[in-house]
Amino acid sequence: MLKSLIMEEEFNKFLHDNQNKLILVKFFTTWCLPCRELNQNIEKLLLERKDLAVLEIDAKKFPKLSQKIEFNVNSVPTLFLFRQGKMVKNITGLLSVLQLKQFIDS
């Protein structure tokens, strides 16, 4: 499942509603070419992983969210992995489908 954040209030609801899944939060911008490529790789991964929920957040549209202490996004794309509603790790940059699997599974 892939969802784009429309209102900041949806963030916590998304985490709560999907806490039984792995959650990937992706910060991106519309002008970022690696972000677009990463999105294609995430869509491919989602075909295989039904236990994964993805929330896309436009860092320019939601600057307060992207600069929160727990995120502090300085470059895009940046991914955060949540398990049972808690952030467990993050990574910045373009990842292949294989690298995404390794990031999620390790």
C-alpha atoms as a PDB file:
ATOM      1  CA  MET A   1       0.000   0.000   0.000  1.00  0.00           C
ATOM      2  CA  LEU A   2       1.335   3.395  -1.042  1.00  0.00           C
ATOM      3  CA  LYS A   3      -0.179   6.631   0.271  1.00  0.00           C
ATOM      4  CA  SER A   4       0.810  10.244  -0.247  1.00  0.00           C
ATOM      5  CA  LEU A   5       0.453  12.558   2.728  1.00  0.00           C
ATOM      6  CA  ILE A   6      -2.164  15.227   2.037  1.00  0.00           C
ATOM      7  CA  MET A   7      -2.523  16.771   5.503  1.00  0.00           C
ATOM      8  CA  GLU A   8       0.050  16.662   8.311  1.00  0.00           C
ATOM      9  CA  GLU A   9      -2.588  15.305  10.710  1.00  0.00           C
ATOM     10  CA  GLU A  10      -2.707  12.075   8.667  1.00  0.00           C
ATOM     11  CA  PHE A  11       0.847  11.103   9.663  1.00  0.00           C
ATOM     12  CA  ASN A  12       0.120   9.720  13.148  1.00  0.00           C
ATOM     13  CA  LYS A  13      -3.114   8.098  11.957  1.00  0.00           C
ATOM     14  CA  PHE A  14      -1.191   6.280   9.193  1.00  0.00           C
ATOM     15  CA  LEU A  15       1.353   4.983  11.723  1.00  0.00           C
ATOM     16  CA  HIS A  16      -1.407   3.858  14.067  1.00  0.00           C
ATOM     17  CA  ASP A  17      -3.572   2.232  11.380  1.00  0.00           C
ATOM     18  CA  ASN A  18      -0.617   0.272   9.962  1.00  0.00           C
ATOM     19  CA  GLN A  19       1.281  -0.640  13.126  1.00  0.00           C
ATOM     20  CA  ASN A  20       0.842  -4.354  12.336  1.00  0.00           C
ATOM     21  CA  LYS A  21       2.872  -3.814   9.142  1.00  0.00           C
ATOM     22  CA  LEU A  22       6.336  -2.590   8.344  1.00  0.00           C
ATOM     23  CA  ILE A  23       6.046   1.085   7.473  1.00  0.00           C
ATOM     24  CA  LEU A  24       8.360   2.900   5.119  1.00  0.00           C
ATOM     25  CA  VAL A  25       8.145   6.694   5.302  1.00  0.00           C
ATOM     26  CA  LYS A  26       9.701   8.342   2.252  1.00  0.00           C
ATOM     27  CA  PHE A  27      10.570  12.044   2.184  1.00  0.00           C
ATOM     28  CA  PHE A  28      10.907  13.349  -1.366  1.00  0.00           C
ATOM     29  CA  THR A  29      10.498  16.412  -3.564  1.00  0.00           C
ATOM     30  CA  THR A  30       8.803  16.608  -6.948  1.00  0.00           C
ATOM     31  CA  TRP A  31      11.941  17.930  -8.703  1.00  0.00           C
ATOM     32  CA  CYS A  32      14.214  15.141  -7.383  1.00  0.00           C
ATOM     33  CA  LEU A  33      15.091  12.597 -10.108  1.00  0.00           C
ATOM     34  CA  PRO A  34      16.465   9.949  -7.686  1.00  0.00           C
ATOM     35  CA  CYS A  35      13.174  10.286  -5.748  1.00  0.00           C
ATOM     36  CA  ARG A  36      11.209   9.363  -8.874  1.00  0.00           C
ATOM     37  CA  GLU A  37      13.403   6.356  -9.553  1.00  0.00           C
ATOM     38  CA  LEU A  38      13.158   5.254  -5.928  1.00  0.00           C
ATOM     39  CA  ASN A  39       9.380   5.485  -6.201  1.00  0.00           C
ATOM     40  CA  GLN A  40       9.414   3.043  -9.133  1.00  0.00           C
ATOM     41  CA  ASN A  41      11.569   0.632  -7.104  1.00  0.00           C
ATOM     42  CA  ILE A  42       9.228   0.910  -4.111  1.00  0.00           C
ATOM     43  CA  GLU A  43       6.232   0.169  -6.353  1.00  0.00           C
ATOM     44  CA  LYS A  44       7.996  -2.987  -7.608  1.00  0.00           C
ATOM     45  CA  LEU A  45       8.753  -4.010  -4.037  1.00  0.00           C
ATOM     46  CA  LEU A  46       5.134  -3.500  -3.000  1.00  0.00           C
ATOM     47  CA  LEU A  47       4.068  -6.125  -5.546  1.00  0.00           C
ATOM     48  CA  GLU A  48       6.038  -8.677  -3.480  1.00  0.00           C
ATOM     49  CA  ARG A  49       5.638  -7.348   0.054  1.00  0.00           C
ATOM     50  CA  LYS A  50       2.066  -7.315   1.334  1.00  0.00           C
ATOM     51  CA  ASP A  51       3.388  -6.667   4.868  1.00  0.00           C
ATOM     52  CA  LEU A  52       4.660  -3.230   3.847  1.00  0.00           C
ATOM     53  CA  ALA A  53       2.897   0.142   3.947  1.00  0.00           C
ATOM     54  CA  VAL A  54       4.533   3.215   2.410  1.00  0.00           C
ATOM     55  CA  LEU A  55       3.816   6.845   3.187  1.00  0.00           C
ATOM     56  CA  GLU A  56       5.236   9.500   0.843  1.00  0.00           C
ATOM     57  CA  ILE A  57       5.853  12.955   2.269  1.00  0.00           C
ATOM     58  CA  ASP A  58       6.783  15.912   0.092  1.00  0.00           C
ATOM     59  CA  ALA A  59       9.537  17.624   2.107  1.00  0.00           C
ATOM     60  CA  LYS A  60       8.798  21.006   0.501  1.00  0.00           C
ATOM     61  CA  LYS A  61       5.064  20.773   1.217  1.00  0.00           C
ATOM     62  CA  PHE A  62       5.582  19.653   4.826  1.00  0.00           C
ATOM     63  CA  PRO A  63       8.754  21.429   6.031  1.00  0.00           C
ATOM     64  CA  LYS A  64       7.752  21.311   9.718  1.00  0.00           C
ATOM     65  CA  LEU A  65       7.355  17.534   9.553  1.00  0.00           C
ATOM     66  CA  SER A  66      10.581  16.957   7.624  1.00  0.00           C
ATOM     67  CA  GLN A  67      12.548  19.085  10.107  1.00  0.00           C
ATOM     68  CA  LYS A  68      11.163  17.473  13.265  1.00  0.00           C
ATOM     69  CA  ILE A  69      13.970  16.303  15.545  1.00  0.00           C
ATOM     70  CA  GLU A  70      13.297  12.619  14.901  1.00  0.00           C
ATOM     71  CA  PHE A  71      13.517  13.098  11.105  1.00  0.00           C
ATOM     72  CA  ASN A  72      15.758  16.123  10.448  1.00  0.00           C
ATOM     73  CA  VAL A  73      15.678  15.513   6.681  1.00  0.00           C
ATOM     74  CA  ASN A  74      18.609  17.302   5.029  1.00  0.00           C
ATOM     75  CA  SER A  75      18.487  15.626   1.619  1.00  0.00           C
ATOM     76  CA  VAL A  76      16.047  13.596  -0.426  1.00  0.00           C
ATOM     77  CA  PRO A  77      15.140  10.872  -0.873  1.00  0.00           C
ATOM     78  CA  THR A  78      15.289   9.806   2.755  1.00  0.00           C
ATOM     79  CA  LEU A  79      13.574   6.677   4.069  1.00  0.00           C
ATOM     80  CA  PHE A  80      12.554   5.811   7.616  1.00  0.00           C
ATOM     81  CA  LEU A  81      11.538   2.296   8.627  1.00  0.00           C
ATOM     82  CA  PHE A  82       8.968   1.793  11.383  1.00  0.00           C
ATOM     83  CA  ARG A  83       8.189  -1.503  13.157  1.00  0.00           C
ATOM     84  CA  GLN A  84       5.176  -1.660  15.473  1.00  0.00           C
ATOM     85  CA  GLY A  85       4.826   2.112  15.272  1.00  0.00           C
ATOM     86  CA  LYS A  86       8.441   2.846  16.293  1.00  0.00           C
ATOM     87  CA  MET A  87      11.176   4.171  14.025  1.00  0.00           C
ATOM     88  CA  VAL A  88      14.003   1.645  13.836  1.00  0.00           C
ATOM     89  CA  LYS A  89      16.329   3.059  11.165  1.00  0.00           C
ATOM     90  CA  ASN A  90      16.750   5.419   8.247  1.00  0.00           C
ATOM     91  CA  ILE A  91      18.756   5.779   5.051  1.00  0.00           C
ATOM     92  CA  THR A  92      19.286   8.524   2.489  1.00  0.00           C
ATOM     93  CA  GLY A  93      19.680   8.146  -1.263  1.00  0.00           C
ATOM     94  CA  LEU A  94      18.491   6.075  -4.190  1.00  0.00           C
ATOM     95  CA  LEU A  95      18.118   2.350  -3.475  1.00  0.00           C
ATOM     96  CA  SER A  96      17.554  -0.500  -5.917  1.00  0.00           C
ATOM     97  CA  VAL A  97      14.805  -3.031  -5.228  1.00  0.00           C
ATOM     98  CA  LEU A  98      17.446  -5.397  -3.797  1.00  0.00           C
ATOM     99  CA  GLN A  99      18.859  -2.653  -1.560  1.00  0.00           C
ATOM    100  CA  LEU A 100      15.332  -1.813  -0.371  1.00  0.00           C
ATOM    101  CA  LYS A 101      14.782  -5.471   0.584  1.00  0.00           C
ATOM    102  CA  GLN A 102      18.079  -5.530   2.465  1.00  0.00           C
ATOM    103  CA  PHE A 103      17.257  -2.260   4.258  1.00  0.00           C
ATOM    104  CA  ILE A 104      13.859  -3.589   5.340  1.00  0.00           C
ATOM    105  CA  ASP A 105      14.970  -7.097   6.286  1.00  0.00           C
ATOM    106  CA  SER A 106      18.242  -6.371   8.096  1.00  0.00           C
END
